[in-house]
Amino acid sequence: MRASGALRLDGAQLEGADYSERTFNYISVSNGSRLTKCDFRGIRATDGCLGGGLRPSVYAECVFDGSALEGHGLDPGRATFISCSFLDASLVNLNFMDAEFVDCVFSGRIESVTFSADPWSRDAELGREKNRYQGNDFSTALMRNVSFRGGIDLDMQRFPDTADYFILRDAAAGLDKALRDVERWEDPKDRSMAKARIKAQKFNVQGGQRDLFIHKSLITSKLSPEGAEKLMSIFRDLSAAG
């Protein structure tokens, strides 16, 4: 691993630059930078901004394989990722609120991450009302506590096909039905906890997300084994019906 104290690119227009296997204590890509076919394989970064300033920065056909982008100090900012690779990467504690992903591929660990089609702020420099999320492949990623918000079309992405994940169609109606079913549970502790888990999912619906991608841990944590299985059965039925 090569050490590098900081990476600062302001309005840069680069193609084929090699930053691989470096650890950055600070990274700043800002003000309309465009990075094409750049190599970020194996980098480590926990502080800075991938799309700083008002003008969005673009990463086109860049490779982040094996990278670790982690920590609350790292802000994705106004970054657009087009046809980028994140194989065996670690994306942790990141909020992609003003970012876009188009035709990107992911594997490895994605944990405590929010993807949003609804920008935090809209202005002339951002130049869009919605963040694009289309053609992305998450099918081999390990995803925990991951939220898709603000109207992301889940049918335009690929997701893991395992029992740990499911997609709840027409989530507003589905969550209301789940609440009605849980209200009939006899165990007061499980009933209360299950209702709290369901209501937490309503936050994304209220933010404009029609369908929800859900990992089972988001709805079963702190329930008894029996309560967890009962709630999963409700959601499996709702998912199958959708």
C-alpha atoms as a PDB file:
ATOM      1  CA  MET A   1       0.000   0.000   0.000  1.00  0.00           C
ATOM      2  CA  ARG A   2       1.434   3.344  -1.079  1.00  0.00           C
ATOM      3  CA  ALA A   3       0.926   6.228   1.326  1.00  0.00           C
ATOM      4  CA  SER A   4      -0.349   9.584   0.114  1.00  0.00           C
ATOM      5  CA  GLY A   5      -1.383  12.306   2.523  1.00  0.00           C
ATOM      6  CA  ALA A   6      -4.067  13.940   0.392  1.00  0.00           C
ATOM      7  CA  LEU A   7      -5.553  13.971  -3.071  1.00  0.00           C
ATOM      8  CA  ARG A   8      -6.860  17.342  -4.256  1.00  0.00           C
ATOM      9  CA  LEU A   9      -8.324  17.730  -7.732  1.00  0.00           C
ATOM     10  CA  ASP A  10     -10.077  21.031  -8.464  1.00  0.00           C
ATOM     11  CA  GLY A  11     -11.680  21.294 -11.904  1.00  0.00           C
ATOM     12  CA  ALA A  12      -9.353  18.565 -13.154  1.00  0.00           C
ATOM     13  CA  GLN A  13      -9.832  16.878 -16.533  1.00  0.00           C
ATOM     14  CA  LEU A  14      -7.907  13.612 -16.356  1.00  0.00           C
ATOM     15  CA  GLU A  15      -7.844  10.349 -18.258  1.00  0.00           C
ATOM     16  CA  GLY A  16      -6.051   7.182 -17.206  1.00  0.00           C
ATOM     17  CA  ALA A  17      -4.562   8.586 -14.006  1.00  0.00           C
ATOM     18  CA  ASP A  18      -3.318   5.946 -11.547  1.00  0.00           C
ATOM     19  CA  TYR A  19      -4.075   6.434  -7.845  1.00  0.00           C
ATOM     20  CA  SER A  20      -4.242   2.742  -7.010  1.00  0.00           C
ATOM     21  CA  GLU A  21      -3.240   1.183  -3.680  1.00  0.00           C
ATOM     22  CA  ARG A  22      -2.908   4.486  -1.852  1.00  0.00           C
ATOM     23  CA  THR A  23      -4.218   5.528   1.530  1.00  0.00           C
ATOM     24  CA  PHE A  24      -5.538   9.085   1.605  1.00  0.00           C
ATOM     25  CA  ASN A  25      -6.108  10.881   4.870  1.00  0.00           C
ATOM     26  CA  TYR A  26      -8.063  13.420   2.823  1.00  0.00           C
ATOM     27  CA  ILE A  27      -9.528  13.329  -0.662  1.00  0.00           C
ATOM     28  CA  SER A  28     -11.104  16.246  -2.511  1.00  0.00           C
ATOM     29  CA  VAL A  29     -12.426  16.042  -6.066  1.00  0.00           C
ATOM     30  CA  SER A  30     -14.352  19.195  -6.819  1.00  0.00           C
ATOM     31  CA  ASN A  31     -15.713  21.907  -9.088  1.00  0.00           C
ATOM     32  CA  GLY A  32     -16.612  20.029 -12.222  1.00  0.00           C
ATOM     33  CA  SER A  33     -13.684  17.619 -12.329  1.00  0.00           C
ATOM     34  CA  ARG A  34     -14.025  14.855 -14.888  1.00  0.00           C
ATOM     35  CA  LEU A  35     -12.043  11.672 -14.331  1.00  0.00           C
ATOM     36  CA  THR A  36     -12.126   9.119 -17.151  1.00  0.00           C
ATOM     37  CA  LYS A  37     -10.747   5.577 -16.908  1.00  0.00           C
ATOM     38  CA  CYS A  38      -8.813   6.454 -13.752  1.00  0.00           C
ATOM     39  CA  ASP A  39      -7.523   3.716 -11.468  1.00  0.00           C
ATOM     40  CA  PHE A  40      -8.612   3.882  -7.823  1.00  0.00           C
ATOM     41  CA  ARG A  41      -8.152   0.180  -7.112  1.00  0.00           C
ATOM     42  CA  GLY A  42      -7.350  -0.601  -3.500  1.00  0.00           C
ATOM     43  CA  ILE A  43      -7.478   2.992  -2.249  1.00  0.00           C
ATOM     44  CA  ARG A  44      -8.422   3.791   1.350  1.00  0.00           C
ATOM     45  CA  ALA A  45     -10.239   7.034   2.165  1.00  0.00           C
ATOM     46  CA  THR A  46     -12.220   8.096   5.227  1.00  0.00           C
ATOM     47  CA  ASP A  47     -12.295  11.889   4.989  1.00  0.00           C
ATOM     48  CA  GLY A  48     -13.007  14.478   2.320  1.00  0.00           C
ATOM     49  CA  CYS A  49     -15.481  14.838  -0.553  1.00  0.00           C
ATOM     50  CA  LEU A  50     -15.772  12.970  -3.831  1.00  0.00           C
ATOM     51  CA  GLY A  51     -17.834  15.702  -5.469  1.00  0.00           C
ATOM     52  CA  GLY A  52     -17.147  19.003  -3.761  1.00  0.00           C
ATOM     53  CA  GLY A  53     -18.200  22.479  -4.805  1.00  0.00           C
ATOM     54  CA  LEU A  54     -21.362  23.423  -6.669  1.00  0.00           C
ATOM     55  CA  ARG A  55     -20.507  21.946 -10.087  1.00  0.00           C
ATOM     56  CA  PRO A  56     -20.868  18.151 -10.133  1.00  0.00           C
ATOM     57  CA  SER A  57     -17.798  16.030 -10.784  1.00  0.00           C
ATOM     58  CA  VAL A  58     -17.932  12.971 -13.042  1.00  0.00           C
ATOM     59  CA  TYR A  59     -16.184   9.613 -12.762  1.00  0.00           C
ATOM     60  CA  ALA A  60     -16.501   7.768 -16.090  1.00  0.00           C
ATOM     61  CA  GLU A  61     -15.278   4.165 -16.479  1.00  0.00           C
ATOM     62  CA  CYS A  62     -13.184   4.453 -13.332  1.00  0.00           C
ATOM     63  CA  VAL A  63     -12.168   1.394 -11.327  1.00  0.00           C
ATOM     64  CA  PHE A  64     -12.601   1.270  -7.540  1.00  0.00           C
ATOM     65  CA  ASP A  65     -12.135  -2.497  -7.169  1.00  0.00           C
ATOM     66  CA  GLY A  66     -10.891  -3.497  -3.726  1.00  0.00           C
ATOM     67  CA  SER A  67     -11.214   0.040  -2.420  1.00  0.00           C
ATOM     68  CA  ALA A  68     -12.445   1.053   1.035  1.00  0.00           C
ATOM     69  CA  LEU A  69     -14.535   4.215   1.138  1.00  0.00           C
ATOM     70  CA  GLU A  70     -15.642   4.391   4.732  1.00  0.00           C
ATOM     71  CA  GLY A  71     -16.483   6.720   7.558  1.00  0.00           C
ATOM     72  CA  HIS A  72     -18.808   9.559   8.398  1.00  0.00           C
ATOM     73  CA  GLY A  73     -16.081  12.034   7.427  1.00  0.00           C
ATOM     74  CA  LEU A  74     -16.234  11.081   3.748  1.00  0.00           C
ATOM     75  CA  ASP A  75     -18.941  12.895   1.774  1.00  0.00           C
ATOM     76  CA  PRO A  76     -19.855  11.635  -1.723  1.00  0.00           C
ATOM     77  CA  GLY A  77     -21.066  15.146  -2.561  1.00  0.00           C
ATOM     78  CA  ARG A  78     -22.114  15.949  -6.127  1.00  0.00           C
ATOM     79  CA  ALA A  79     -20.420  13.014  -7.808  1.00  0.00           C
ATOM     80  CA  THR A  80     -21.720  11.194 -10.871  1.00  0.00           C
ATOM     81  CA  PHE A  81     -20.412   7.659 -11.440  1.00  0.00           C
ATOM     82  CA  ILE A  82     -20.880   6.292 -14.966  1.00  0.00           C
ATOM     83  CA  SER A  83     -19.858   2.728 -15.908  1.00  0.00           C
ATOM     84  CA  CYS A  84     -17.609   2.464 -12.842  1.00  0.00           C
ATOM     85  CA  SER A  85     -16.526  -0.763 -11.164  1.00  0.00           C
ATOM     86  CA  PHE A  86     -16.719  -1.331  -7.391  1.00  0.00           C
ATOM     87  CA  LEU A  87     -15.876  -5.028  -7.269  1.00  0.00           C
ATOM     88  CA  ASP A  88     -14.832  -6.352  -3.844  1.00  0.00           C
ATOM     89  CA  ALA A  89     -15.098  -2.803  -2.549  1.00  0.00           C
ATOM     90  CA  SER A  90     -16.177  -1.677   0.915  1.00  0.00           C
ATOM     91  CA  LEU A  91     -18.680   1.193   1.044  1.00  0.00           C
ATOM     92  CA  VAL A  92     -19.604   1.937   4.649  1.00  0.00           C
ATOM     93  CA  ASN A  93     -21.361   4.824   6.428  1.00  0.00           C
ATOM     94  CA  LEU A  94     -21.962   6.862   3.266  1.00  0.00           C
ATOM     95  CA  ASN A  95     -24.929   9.024   2.244  1.00  0.00           C
ATOM     96  CA  PHE A  96     -25.217   9.458  -1.520  1.00  0.00           C
ATOM     97  CA  MET A  97     -27.727  12.312  -1.383  1.00  0.00           C
ATOM     98  CA  ASP A  98     -26.544  14.399  -4.351  1.00  0.00           C
ATOM     99  CA  ALA A  99     -24.728  11.659  -6.274  1.00  0.00           C
ATOM    100  CA  GLU A 100     -25.694   9.559  -9.287  1.00  0.00           C
ATOM    101  CA  PHE A 101     -24.888   6.019 -10.411  1.00  0.00           C
ATOM    102  CA  VAL A 102     -25.404   4.828 -13.978  1.00  0.00           C
ATOM    103  CA  ASP A 103     -24.347   1.390 -15.287  1.00  0.00           C
ATOM    104  CA  CYS A 104     -22.041   0.678 -12.334  1.00  0.00           C
ATOM    105  CA  VAL A 105     -21.247  -2.756 -10.892  1.00  0.00           C
ATOM    106  CA  PHE A 106     -20.792  -3.586  -7.207  1.00  0.00           C
ATOM    107  CA  SER A 107     -19.648  -6.502  -5.105  1.00  0.00           C
ATOM    108  CA  GLY A 108     -18.131  -6.720  -1.655  1.00  0.00           C
ATOM    109  CA  ARG A 109     -19.590  -4.913   1.339  1.00  0.00           C
ATOM    110  CA  ILE A 110     -22.179  -2.129   1.247  1.00  0.00           C
ATOM    111  CA  GLU A 111     -23.280  -1.268   4.780  1.00  0.00           C
ATOM    112  CA  SER A 112     -25.079   1.669   6.393  1.00  0.00           C
ATOM    113  CA  VAL A 113     -25.398   3.415   3.038  1.00  0.00           C
ATOM    114  CA  THR A 114     -28.168   5.610   1.637  1.00  0.00           C
ATOM    115  CA  PHE A 115     -28.762   6.101  -2.082  1.00  0.00           C
ATOM    116  CA  SER A 116     -31.217   8.869  -2.953  1.00  0.00           C
ATOM    117  CA  ALA A 117     -32.770  10.024  -6.218  1.00  0.00           C
ATOM    118  CA  ASP A 118     -34.071  13.125  -4.450  1.00  0.00           C
ATOM    119  CA  PRO A 119     -31.241  15.689  -4.144  1.00  0.00           C
ATOM    120  CA  TRP A 120     -30.684  17.452  -0.866  1.00  0.00           C
ATOM    121  CA  SER A 121     -30.497  20.727  -2.768  1.00  0.00           C
ATOM    122  CA  ARG A 122     -31.515  21.814  -6.261  1.00  0.00           C
ATOM    123  CA  ASP A 123     -29.814  24.698  -7.982  1.00  0.00           C
ATOM    124  CA  ALA A 124     -28.600  25.747 -11.410  1.00  0.00           C
ATOM    125  CA  GLU A 125     -25.130  24.321 -10.791  1.00  0.00           C
ATOM    126  CA  LEU A 126     -26.469  20.881  -9.872  1.00  0.00           C
ATOM    127  CA  GLY A 127     -28.546  21.029 -13.050  1.00  0.00           C
ATOM    128  CA  ARG A 128     -31.085  18.323 -12.223  1.00  0.00           C
ATOM    129  CA  GLU A 129     -34.275  17.681 -10.317  1.00  0.00           C
ATOM    130  CA  LYS A 130     -33.526  13.981  -9.788  1.00  0.00           C
ATOM    131  CA  ASN A 131     -30.371  11.946  -9.325  1.00  0.00           C
ATOM    132  CA  ARG A 132     -30.052   9.164 -11.904  1.00  0.00           C
ATOM    133  CA  TYR A 133     -29.949   5.546 -10.750  1.00  0.00           C
ATOM    134  CA  GLN A 134     -30.147   3.149 -13.675  1.00  0.00           C
ATOM    135  CA  GLY A 135     -28.446   0.030 -14.953  1.00  0.00           C
ATOM    136  CA  ASN A 136     -26.565  -0.667 -11.714  1.00  0.00           C
ATOM    137  CA  ASP A 137     -25.665  -4.228 -10.722  1.00  0.00           C
ATOM    138  CA  PHE A 138     -25.710  -5.021  -6.983  1.00  0.00           C
ATOM    139  CA  SER A 139     -26.399  -8.716  -7.540  1.00  0.00           C
ATOM    140  CA  THR A 140     -23.222 -10.010  -5.873  1.00  0.00           C
ATOM    141  CA  ALA A 141     -22.896  -7.357  -3.146  1.00  0.00           C
ATOM    142  CA  LEU A 142     -23.366  -8.006   0.568  1.00  0.00           C
ATOM    143  CA  MET A 143     -25.815  -5.283   1.553  1.00  0.00           C
ATOM    144  CA  ARG A 144     -26.836  -4.450   5.119  1.00  0.00           C
ATOM    145  CA  ASN A 145     -28.731  -1.398   6.329  1.00  0.00           C
ATOM    146  CA  VAL A 146     -28.892  -0.029   2.789  1.00  0.00           C
ATOM    147  CA  SER A 147     -31.671   2.377   1.809  1.00  0.00           C
ATOM    148  CA  PHE A 148     -32.871   3.393  -1.632  1.00  0.00           C
ATOM    149  CA  ARG A 149     -34.840   6.616  -1.351  1.00  0.00           C
ATOM    150  CA  GLY A 150     -36.440   9.460  -3.186  1.00  0.00           C
ATOM    151  CA  GLY A 151     -38.010   7.567  -6.073  1.00  0.00           C
ATOM    152  CA  ILE A 152     -35.243   5.239  -7.281  1.00  0.00           C
ATOM    153  CA  ASP A 153     -36.711   2.777  -9.792  1.00  0.00           C
ATOM    154  CA  LEU A 154     -35.667  -0.591  -8.383  1.00  0.00           C
ATOM    155  CA  ASP A 155     -36.583  -2.316 -11.645  1.00  0.00           C
ATOM    156  CA  MET A 156     -33.689  -0.471 -13.298  1.00  0.00           C
ATOM    157  CA  GLN A 157     -31.157  -2.100 -10.929  1.00  0.00           C
ATOM    158  CA  ARG A 158     -30.066  -5.698 -10.285  1.00  0.00           C
ATOM    159  CA  PHE A 159     -30.175  -7.002  -6.717  1.00  0.00           C
ATOM    160  CA  PRO A 160     -29.035 -10.144  -4.873  1.00  0.00           C
ATOM    161  CA  ASP A 161     -31.387 -13.074  -5.312  1.00  0.00           C
ATOM    162  CA  THR A 162     -31.264 -14.596  -1.839  1.00  0.00           C
ATOM    163  CA  ALA A 163     -33.692 -15.136   1.031  1.00  0.00           C
ATOM    164  CA  ASP A 164     -31.975 -12.369   3.014  1.00  0.00           C
ATOM    165  CA  TYR A 165     -33.355  -9.646   0.742  1.00  0.00           C
ATOM    166  CA  PHE A 166     -36.696  -8.879  -0.806  1.00  0.00           C
ATOM    167  CA  ILE A 167     -38.420  -6.101  -2.715  1.00  0.00           C
ATOM    168  CA  LEU A 168     -41.727  -4.837  -1.366  1.00  0.00           C
ATOM    169  CA  ARG A 169     -43.867  -3.500  -4.205  1.00  0.00           C
ATOM    170  CA  ASP A 170     -46.377  -0.709  -3.598  1.00  0.00           C
ATOM    171  CA  ALA A 171     -44.807  -0.376  -0.174  1.00  0.00           C
ATOM    172  CA  ALA A 172     -47.308   2.115   1.254  1.00  0.00           C
ATOM    173  CA  ALA A 173     -50.179  -0.364   0.983  1.00  0.00           C
ATOM    174  CA  GLY A 174     -47.978  -3.314   1.953  1.00  0.00           C
ATOM    175  CA  LEU A 175     -46.726  -1.688   5.134  1.00  0.00           C
ATOM    176  CA  ASP A 176     -50.256  -0.731   6.153  1.00  0.00           C
ATOM    177  CA  LYS A 177     -51.342  -4.347   5.746  1.00  0.00           C
ATOM    178  CA  ALA A 178     -48.326  -5.556   7.726  1.00  0.00           C
ATOM    179  CA  LEU A 179     -49.263  -3.208  10.568  1.00  0.00           C
ATOM    180  CA  ARG A 180     -52.812  -4.558  10.623  1.00  0.00           C
ATOM    181  CA  ASP A 181     -51.528  -8.126  10.783  1.00  0.00           C
ATOM    182  CA  VAL A 182     -49.061  -7.343  13.572  1.00  0.00           C
ATOM    183  CA  GLU A 183     -51.770  -5.626  15.640  1.00  0.00           C
ATOM    184  CA  ARG A 184     -53.302  -9.073  16.180  1.00  0.00           C
ATOM    185  CA  TRP A 185     -50.156 -10.540  17.738  1.00  0.00           C
ATOM    186  CA  GLU A 186     -50.531 -11.641  21.348  1.00  0.00           C
ATOM    187  CA  ASP A 187     -46.959 -11.022  22.563  1.00  0.00           C
ATOM    188  CA  PRO A 188     -46.857  -7.314  23.497  1.00  0.00           C
ATOM    189  CA  LYS A 189     -43.079  -6.971  23.229  1.00  0.00           C
ATOM    190  CA  ASP A 190     -42.863  -8.523  19.771  1.00  0.00           C
ATOM    191  CA  ARG A 191     -45.951  -6.605  18.668  1.00  0.00           C
ATOM    192  CA  SER A 192     -44.467  -3.273  19.751  1.00  0.00           C
ATOM    193  CA  MET A 193     -41.054  -3.971  18.229  1.00  0.00           C
ATOM    194  CA  ALA A 194     -42.512  -5.214  14.929  1.00  0.00           C
ATOM    195  CA  LYS A 195     -44.706  -2.113  14.637  1.00  0.00           C
ATOM    196  CA  ALA A 196     -41.644   0.088  15.201  1.00  0.00           C
ATOM    197  CA  ARG A 197     -39.717  -1.760  12.476  1.00  0.00           C
ATOM    198  CA  ILE A 198     -42.585  -1.382  10.003  1.00  0.00           C
ATOM    199  CA  LYS A 199     -43.069   2.302  10.772  1.00  0.00           C
ATOM    200  CA  ALA A 200     -39.340   2.904  10.243  1.00  0.00           C
ATOM    201  CA  GLN A 201     -39.751   1.632   6.673  1.00  0.00           C
ATOM    202  CA  LYS A 202     -42.503   4.186   6.105  1.00  0.00           C
ATOM    203  CA  PHE A 203     -39.897   6.952   6.235  1.00  0.00           C
ATOM    204  CA  ASN A 204     -38.618   5.972   2.792  1.00  0.00           C
ATOM    205  CA  VAL A 205     -42.145   5.755   1.405  1.00  0.00           C
ATOM    206  CA  GLN A 206     -42.922   9.228   2.659  1.00  0.00           C
ATOM    207  CA  GLY A 207     -39.786  10.420   0.860  1.00  0.00           C
ATOM    208  CA  GLY A 208     -41.139   9.275  -2.494  1.00  0.00           C
ATOM    209  CA  GLN A 209     -39.967   5.668  -2.711  1.00  0.00           C
ATOM    210  CA  ARG A 210     -42.728   3.473  -4.157  1.00  0.00           C
ATOM    211  CA  ASP A 211     -40.983   0.097  -3.843  1.00  0.00           C
ATOM    212  CA  LEU A 212     -38.603  -0.853  -1.040  1.00  0.00           C
ATOM    213  CA  PHE A 213     -35.476  -3.002  -1.065  1.00  0.00           C
ATOM    214  CA  ILE A 214     -35.259  -4.561   2.396  1.00  0.00           C
ATOM    215  CA  HIS A 215     -32.710  -6.748   4.149  1.00  0.00           C
ATOM    216  CA  LYS A 216     -34.349  -9.016   6.709  1.00  0.00           C
ATOM    217  CA  SER A 217     -32.192  -7.622   9.531  1.00  0.00           C
ATOM    218  CA  LEU A 218     -33.901  -4.239   9.175  1.00  0.00           C
ATOM    219  CA  ILE A 219     -37.263  -5.664  10.191  1.00  0.00           C
ATOM    220  CA  THR A 220     -36.369  -8.532  12.515  1.00  0.00           C
ATOM    221  CA  SER A 221     -33.708  -7.133  14.860  1.00  0.00           C
ATOM    222  CA  LYS A 222     -34.622  -7.304  18.556  1.00  0.00           C
ATOM    223  CA  LEU A 223     -37.613  -9.557  17.898  1.00  0.00           C
ATOM    224  CA  SER A 224     -37.814 -13.008  19.402  1.00  0.00           C
ATOM    225  CA  PRO A 225     -37.023 -15.853  16.982  1.00  0.00           C
ATOM    226  CA  GLU A 226     -40.744 -16.597  16.774  1.00  0.00           C
ATOM    227  CA  GLY A 227     -41.633 -12.946  16.184  1.00  0.00           C
ATOM    228  CA  ALA A 228     -38.912 -12.557  13.572  1.00  0.00           C
ATOM    229  CA  GLU A 229     -40.176 -15.577  11.635  1.00  0.00           C
ATOM    230  CA  LYS A 230     -43.790 -14.360  11.831  1.00  0.00           C
ATOM    231  CA  LEU A 231     -42.850 -10.914  10.535  1.00  0.00           C
ATOM    232  CA  MET A 232     -40.697 -12.371   7.766  1.00  0.00           C
ATOM    233  CA  SER A 233     -43.625 -14.565   6.759  1.00  0.00           C
ATOM    234  CA  ILE A 234     -45.823 -11.473   6.448  1.00  0.00           C
ATOM    235  CA  PHE A 235     -43.259  -9.698   4.286  1.00  0.00           C
ATOM    236  CA  ARG A 236     -42.608 -12.785   2.151  1.00  0.00           C
ATOM    237  CA  ASP A 237     -46.305 -13.014   1.390  1.00  0.00           C
ATOM    238  CA  LEU A 238     -46.503  -9.318   0.575  1.00  0.00           C
ATOM    239  CA  SER A 239     -43.415  -9.539  -1.649  1.00  0.00           C
ATOM    240  CA  ALA A 240     -44.798 -12.582  -3.477  1.00  0.00           C
ATOM    241  CA  ALA A 241     -48.140 -10.864  -3.991  1.00  0.00           C
ATOM    242  CA  GLY A 242     -46.383  -7.842  -5.524  1.00  0.00           C
END
